[in-house]
C-alpha atoms as a PDB file:
ATOM      1  CA  MET A   1     -15.950  -2.987   4.121  1.00  0.00           C
ATOM      2  CA  GLY A   2     -12.498  -3.093   6.247  1.00  0.00           C
ATOM      3  CA  GLU A   3      -8.952  -3.087   5.120  1.00  0.00           C
ATOM      4  CA  THR A   4      -8.753  -6.388   4.432  1.00  0.00           C
ATOM      5  CA  ILE A   5     -10.984  -9.207   5.356  1.00  0.00           C
ATOM      6  CA  THR A   6      -9.165 -11.351   7.218  1.00  0.00           C
ATOM      7  CA  GLY A   7      -7.236  -8.681   9.469  1.00  0.00           C
ATOM      8  CA  ASN A   8      -3.254  -8.560   8.266  1.00  0.00           C
ATOM      9  CA  GLU A   9      -3.589 -10.605   5.263  1.00  0.00           C
ATOM     10  CA  PRO A  10      -4.146  -9.454   2.026  1.00  0.00           C
ATOM     11  CA  LEU A  11      -7.274  -9.709   0.220  1.00  0.00           C
ATOM     12  CA  PHE A  12      -5.769 -11.306  -2.802  1.00  0.00           C
ATOM     13  CA  SER A  13      -2.825 -12.645  -3.116  1.00  0.00           C
ATOM     14  CA  ALA A  14      -2.166 -15.332  -5.492  1.00  0.00           C
ATOM     15  CA  ASP A  15       0.971 -17.103  -7.319  1.00  0.00           C
ATOM     16  CA  ALA A  16       2.391 -19.325 -10.004  1.00  0.00           C
ATOM     17  CA  GLU A  17       5.431 -20.563 -11.594  1.00  0.00           C
ATOM     18  CA  ILE A  18       6.957 -22.097 -14.621  1.00  0.00           C
ATOM     19  CA  HIS A  19      10.093 -23.498 -15.468  1.00  0.00           C
ATOM     20  CA  LEU A  20      11.543 -22.093 -19.004  1.00  0.00           C
ATOM     21  CA  THR A  21      14.390 -22.860 -21.024  1.00  0.00           C
ATOM     22  CA  ALA A  22      15.439 -19.281 -22.082  1.00  0.00           C
ATOM     23  CA  ALA A  23      17.975 -17.146 -19.947  1.00  0.00           C
ATOM     24  CA  PRO A  24      16.192 -14.823 -17.064  1.00  0.00           C
ATOM     25  CA  LEU A  25      17.711 -11.850 -19.378  1.00  0.00           C
ATOM     26  CA  ASP A  26      15.984 -13.224 -22.069  1.00  0.00           C
ATOM     27  CA  VAL A  27      12.382 -13.735 -19.895  1.00  0.00           C
ATOM     28  CA  TYR A  28      12.730 -10.677 -18.474  1.00  0.00           C
ATOM     29  CA  ALA A  29      13.304  -9.046 -22.170  1.00  0.00           C
ATOM     30  CA  VAL A  30       9.441 -10.281 -22.579  1.00  0.00           C
ATOM     31  CA  VAL A  31       7.203  -9.728 -19.418  1.00  0.00           C
ATOM     32  CA  SER A  32       8.951  -6.221 -19.054  1.00  0.00           C
ATOM     33  CA  ASP A  33       7.651  -5.367 -22.563  1.00  0.00           C
ATOM     34  CA  LEU A  34       3.959  -4.348 -21.369  1.00  0.00           C
ATOM     35  CA  PRO A  35       2.183  -3.219 -24.882  1.00  0.00           C
ATOM     36  CA  ARG A  36       3.619  -6.859 -25.591  1.00  0.00           C
ATOM     37  CA  SER A  37       0.811  -8.548 -22.902  1.00  0.00           C
ATOM     38  CA  GLY A  38      -1.782  -9.064 -25.544  1.00  0.00           C
ATOM     39  CA  ASP A  39      -0.236 -11.669 -26.422  1.00  0.00           C
ATOM     40  CA  TRP A  40      -0.212 -13.812 -23.003  1.00  0.00           C
ATOM     41  CA  SER A  41      -2.870 -12.485 -20.390  1.00  0.00           C
ATOM     42  CA  PRO A  42      -6.739 -13.402 -20.264  1.00  0.00           C
ATOM     43  CA  GLU A  43      -7.391  -9.445 -19.914  1.00  0.00           C
ATOM     44  CA  CYS A  44      -4.847  -7.050 -21.088  1.00  0.00           C
ATOM     45  CA  ARG A  45      -4.740  -6.949 -24.780  1.00  0.00           C
ATOM     46  CA  GLY A  46      -1.843  -4.345 -24.846  1.00  0.00           C
ATOM     47  CA  GLY A  47      -1.897  -0.841 -24.406  1.00  0.00           C
ATOM     48  CA  SER A  48       1.339   1.925 -24.518  1.00  0.00           C
ATOM     49  CA  TRP A  49       3.274   3.834 -22.543  1.00  0.00           C
ATOM     50  CA  ILE A  50       2.319   7.140 -21.496  1.00  0.00           C
ATOM     51  CA  SER A  51       5.243   9.037 -19.369  1.00  0.00           C
ATOM     52  CA  GLY A  52       8.881   8.012 -18.223  1.00  0.00           C
ATOM     53  CA  ASP A  53      11.208   5.514 -19.747  1.00  0.00           C
ATOM     54  CA  PRO A  54       9.645   2.434 -20.729  1.00  0.00           C
ATOM     55  CA  CYS A  55      10.374  -0.508 -18.417  1.00  0.00           C
ATOM     56  CA  ALA A  56      11.632   1.382 -15.935  1.00  0.00           C
ATOM     57  CA  VAL A  57      10.504   2.472 -12.558  1.00  0.00           C
ATOM     58  CA  GLY A  58       7.939   5.142 -12.641  1.00  0.00           C
ATOM     59  CA  ALA A  59       6.843   4.793 -16.136  1.00  0.00           C
ATOM     60  CA  VAL A  60       2.934   4.726 -16.585  1.00  0.00           C
ATOM     61  CA  PHE A  61       1.446   2.507 -18.898  1.00  0.00           C
ATOM     62  CA  ARG A  62      -2.648   3.162 -20.329  1.00  0.00           C
ATOM     63  CA  GLY A  63      -3.740  -0.952 -20.571  1.00  0.00           C
ATOM     64  CA  GLU A  64      -6.369  -1.932 -22.879  1.00  0.00           C
ATOM     65  CA  ASN A  65      -8.278  -4.733 -21.319  1.00  0.00           C
ATOM     66  CA  VAL A  66     -11.343  -6.683 -22.048  1.00  0.00           C
ATOM     67  CA  ARG A  67     -13.608  -9.181 -19.998  1.00  0.00           C
ATOM     68  CA  ALA A  68     -16.469 -11.538 -20.888  1.00  0.00           C
ATOM     69  CA  ALA A  69     -19.235 -11.786 -19.302  1.00  0.00           C
ATOM     70  CA  GLU A  70     -18.897 -15.060 -17.625  1.00  0.00           C
ATOM     71  CA  VAL A  71     -15.859 -13.943 -15.305  1.00  0.00           C
ATOM     72  CA  VAL A  72     -18.369 -14.129 -12.143  1.00  0.00           C
ATOM     73  CA  ALA A  73     -20.993 -13.640 -13.570  1.00  0.00           C
ATOM     74  CA  TRP A  74     -23.394 -12.702 -10.890  1.00  0.00           C
ATOM     75  CA  ALA A  75     -21.247  -9.242  -9.719  1.00  0.00           C
ATOM     76  CA  PRO A  76     -21.264  -6.334 -10.285  1.00  0.00           C
ATOM     77  CA  VAL A  77     -17.533  -6.645 -12.555  1.00  0.00           C
ATOM     78  CA  VAL A  78     -16.625  -4.653 -15.812  1.00  0.00           C
ATOM     79  CA  ARG A  79     -17.197  -6.099 -18.663  1.00  0.00           C
ATOM     80  CA  GLY A  80     -16.010  -5.289 -21.982  1.00  0.00           C
ATOM     81  CA  ALA A  81     -13.932  -3.438 -22.775  1.00  0.00           C
ATOM     82  CA  TRP A  82     -11.685  -1.099 -20.630  1.00  0.00           C
ATOM     83  CA  THR A  83      -8.316   0.740 -19.582  1.00  0.00           C
ATOM     84  CA  THR A  84      -6.112   0.779 -16.391  1.00  0.00           C
ATOM     85  CA  TYR A  85      -3.301   2.451 -15.823  1.00  0.00           C
ATOM     86  CA  ALA A  86      -0.426   0.810 -14.053  1.00  0.00           C
ATOM     87  CA  GLU A  87       3.266   2.152 -12.557  1.00  0.00           C
ATOM     88  CA  VAL A  88       6.558   0.320 -12.490  1.00  0.00           C
ATOM     89  CA  VAL A  89       7.331  -0.241  -9.099  1.00  0.00           C
ATOM     90  CA  ALA A  90      10.351  -2.363  -9.193  1.00  0.00           C
ATOM     91  CA  ALA A  91      12.411  -3.432 -12.359  1.00  0.00           C
ATOM     92  CA  GLU A  92      15.666  -5.372 -12.083  1.00  0.00           C
ATOM     93  CA  PRO A  93      16.189  -6.827 -15.706  1.00  0.00           C
ATOM     94  CA  GLY A  94      16.738 -10.965 -14.733  1.00  0.00           C
ATOM     95  CA  ARG A  95      14.951 -10.470 -11.315  1.00  0.00           C
ATOM     96  CA  THR A  96      12.092  -8.922 -11.068  1.00  0.00           C
ATOM     97  CA  PHE A  97       9.534  -6.805 -13.157  1.00  0.00           C
ATOM     98  CA  ARG A  98       5.889  -4.969 -11.126  1.00  0.00           C
ATOM     99  CA  TRP A  99       3.361  -2.567 -11.583  1.00  0.00           C
ATOM    100  CA  ALA A 100       0.971  -0.957  -9.056  1.00  0.00           C
ATOM    101  CA  MET A 101      -2.803  -0.229 -10.660  1.00  0.00           C
ATOM    102  CA  HIS A 102      -3.653   3.531 -10.570  1.00  0.00           C
ATOM    103  CA  ASP A 103      -6.527   4.769  -9.065  1.00  0.00           C
ATOM    104  CA  SER A 104      -9.194   7.187 -11.256  1.00  0.00           C
ATOM    105  CA  ALA A 105      -7.211   9.843  -9.621  1.00  0.00           C
ATOM    106  CA  GLY A 106      -3.557   8.392 -10.930  1.00  0.00           C
ATOM    107  CA  ARG A 107      -2.806   7.327  -7.180  1.00  0.00           C
ATOM    108  CA  ARG A 108      -0.911   4.309  -6.579  1.00  0.00           C
ATOM    109  CA  GLN A 109      -2.485   1.384  -4.532  1.00  0.00           C
ATOM    110  CA  GLU A 110      -1.912  -1.373  -2.986  1.00  0.00           C
ATOM    111  CA  SER A 111      -2.583  -3.397  -5.555  1.00  0.00           C
ATOM    112  CA  VAL A 112       0.529  -5.173  -7.416  1.00  0.00           C
ATOM    113  CA  TRP A 113       1.293  -7.699 -10.352  1.00  0.00           C
ATOM    114  CA  GLY A 114       4.372  -8.955 -11.250  1.00  0.00           C
ATOM    115  CA  PHE A 115       7.086 -11.236 -12.289  1.00  0.00           C
ATOM    116  CA  ASP A 116      10.044 -12.740 -10.075  1.00  0.00           C
ATOM    117  CA  LEU A 117      13.097 -14.743 -12.168  1.00  0.00           C
ATOM    118  CA  ALA A 118      15.386 -16.943 -10.747  1.00  0.00           C
ATOM    119  CA  PRO A 119      17.929 -18.853 -12.650  1.00  0.00           C
ATOM    120  CA  GLY A 120      17.318 -22.474 -13.992  1.00  0.00           C
ATOM    121  CA  ALA A 121      20.056 -25.174 -12.999  1.00  0.00           C
ATOM    122  CA  ASP A 122      19.895 -26.192 -16.914  1.00  0.00           C
ATOM    123  CA  GLY A 123      20.531 -22.307 -18.014  1.00  0.00           C
ATOM    124  CA  GLY A 124      16.845 -22.187 -18.440  1.00  0.00           C
ATOM    125  CA  THR A 125      14.524 -19.845 -15.824  1.00  0.00           C
ATOM    126  CA  LEU A 126      12.136 -20.313 -13.231  1.00  0.00           C
ATOM    127  CA  LEU A 127       9.716 -17.351 -13.976  1.00  0.00           C
ATOM    128  CA  VAL A 128       7.125 -16.710 -11.259  1.00  0.00           C
ATOM    129  CA  HIS A 129       3.867 -14.238 -12.136  1.00  0.00           C
ATOM    130  CA  HIS A 130       2.050 -12.875  -8.844  1.00  0.00           C
ATOM    131  CA  PHE A 131      -0.178 -10.957  -7.952  1.00  0.00           C
ATOM    132  CA  ARG A 132      -1.563  -9.201  -4.618  1.00  0.00           C
ATOM    133  CA  MET A 133      -4.124  -6.756  -3.424  1.00  0.00           C
ATOM    134  CA  ASP A 134      -3.698  -5.645   0.593  1.00  0.00           C
ATOM    135  CA  ALA A 135      -6.165  -3.153   0.402  1.00  0.00           C
ATOM    136  CA  PRO A 136      -9.177  -2.994  -1.507  1.00  0.00           C
ATOM    137  CA  THR A 137      -8.597  -0.488  -3.947  1.00  0.00           C
ATOM    138  CA  GLU A 138     -11.435   1.648  -6.170  1.00  0.00           C
ATOM    139  CA  GLY A 139     -12.602  -0.868  -8.311  1.00  0.00           C
ATOM    140  CA  ILE A 140     -12.624  -3.794  -5.408  1.00  0.00           C
ATOM    141  CA  ARG A 141     -14.767  -0.684  -3.642  1.00  0.00           C
ATOM    142  CA  GLY A 142     -17.297  -0.664  -6.011  1.00  0.00           C
ATOM    143  CA  ILE A 143     -17.935  -3.888  -7.185  1.00  0.00           C
ATOM    144  CA  THR A 144     -18.462  -4.520  -3.415  1.00  0.00           C
ATOM    145  CA  ALA A 145     -20.729  -1.863  -2.131  1.00  0.00           C
ATOM    146  CA  ALA A 146     -24.127  -3.276  -2.130  1.00  0.00           C
ATOM    147  CA  MET A 147     -23.018  -6.711  -1.318  1.00  0.00           C
ATOM    148  CA  ASP A 148     -23.905  -8.084   1.737  1.00  0.00           C
ATOM    149  CA  PRO A 149     -21.114 -10.090   4.179  1.00  0.00           C
ATOM    150  CA  VAL A 150     -22.145 -13.868   2.120  1.00  0.00           C
ATOM    151  CA  GLU A 151     -21.737 -12.502  -1.358  1.00  0.00           C
ATOM    152  CA  ARG A 152     -18.425  -9.986  -0.369  1.00  0.00           C
ATOM    153  CA  ARG A 153     -16.682 -13.248   1.141  1.00  0.00           C
ATOM    154  CA  ARG A 154     -18.337 -15.660  -2.099  1.00  0.00           C
ATOM    155  CA  PHE A 155     -16.807 -12.590  -4.472  1.00  0.00           C
ATOM    156  CA  PHE A 156     -13.398 -12.724  -2.765  1.00  0.00           C
ATOM    157  CA  VAL A 157     -13.555 -16.570  -2.795  1.00  0.00           C
ATOM    158  CA  GLU A 158     -14.477 -16.417  -7.040  1.00  0.00           C
ATOM    159  CA  TRP A 159     -12.376 -13.641  -7.586  1.00  0.00           C
ATOM    160  CA  GLY A 160      -9.421 -14.875  -6.322  1.00  0.00           C
ATOM    161  CA  GLU A 161     -10.275 -18.378  -8.269  1.00  0.00           C
ATOM    162  CA  LYS A 162     -10.131 -16.021 -11.095  1.00  0.00           C
ATOM    163  CA  ILE A 163      -6.715 -14.576 -10.628  1.00  0.00           C
ATOM    164  CA  ALA A 164      -4.931 -17.792  -9.975  1.00  0.00           C
ATOM    165  CA  ASP A 165      -6.256 -18.953 -13.366  1.00  0.00           C
ATOM    166  CA  ASP A 166      -4.945 -15.970 -15.139  1.00  0.00           C
ATOM    167  CA  LEU A 167      -2.051 -16.538 -13.777  1.00  0.00           C
ATOM    168  CA  THR A 168      -1.324 -19.672 -15.088  1.00  0.00           C
ATOM    169  CA  ALA A 169      -3.039 -19.384 -18.121  1.00  0.00           C
ATOM    170  CA  THR A 170      -0.353 -16.547 -18.171  1.00  0.00           C
ATOM    171  CA  LEU A 171       2.346 -18.285 -17.857  1.00  0.00           C
ATOM    172  CA  GLN A 172       1.333 -20.750 -20.316  1.00  0.00           C
ATOM    173  CA  ARG A 173       1.137 -18.158 -22.996  1.00  0.00           C
ATOM    174  CA  ILE A 174       4.414 -16.864 -21.920  1.00  0.00           C
ATOM    175  CA  ARG A 175       5.930 -20.296 -22.769  1.00  0.00           C
ATOM    176  CA  THR A 176       4.539 -20.220 -25.886  1.00  0.00           C
ATOM    177  CA  ALA A 177       6.197 -16.674 -26.637  1.00  0.00           C
ATOM    178  CA  VAL A 178       9.798 -17.436 -25.361  1.00  0.00           C
ATOM    179  CA  GLU A 179      10.211 -21.007 -26.407  1.00  0.00           C
ATOM    180  CA  THR A 180       8.519 -21.071 -29.949  1.00  0.00           C
ATOM    181  CA  PRO A 181      10.817 -19.629 -32.699  1.00  0.00           C
ATOM    182  CA  GLY A 182       9.108 -16.261 -34.106  1.00  0.00           C
ATOM    183  CA  GLY A 183       7.029 -16.444 -30.424  1.00  0.00           C
END
């Protein structure tokens, strides 16, 4: 498999946005609290900070994840429970929070998840959740290794749709967490 599937384009790039009634700093406090991500992520069930100052650039987060069997069911993706490690690569309160996934040797991969925040006209926040993978990760290389070109294209399309759906679901759950008393 080449470094990308369409020349200089990323393998995956998706984003979703939502308007929240809370202020950017309040929303940032929620989305940068990765141990709490199990409250809103379709796959991440939370986890813990294992090094660095929590939520700061360079901090490493150990995520606990679960994936259902029906997710791109024909492809050899991880099912059930698994662990990931990610490093915070941008942390600007009220503006942006991003983390890059590590490979099994602890190296940063070109797989970055994040949130960008902008003030809304009404004092609320425009929250954008995004994902970008510029080069195949260790996991993607393993998943697609035995696939022929047609299967690989199918996988990229279906996995891209799954990511887009997950971003939207995450934002809806964050809205509930941010805008519901006691959320």
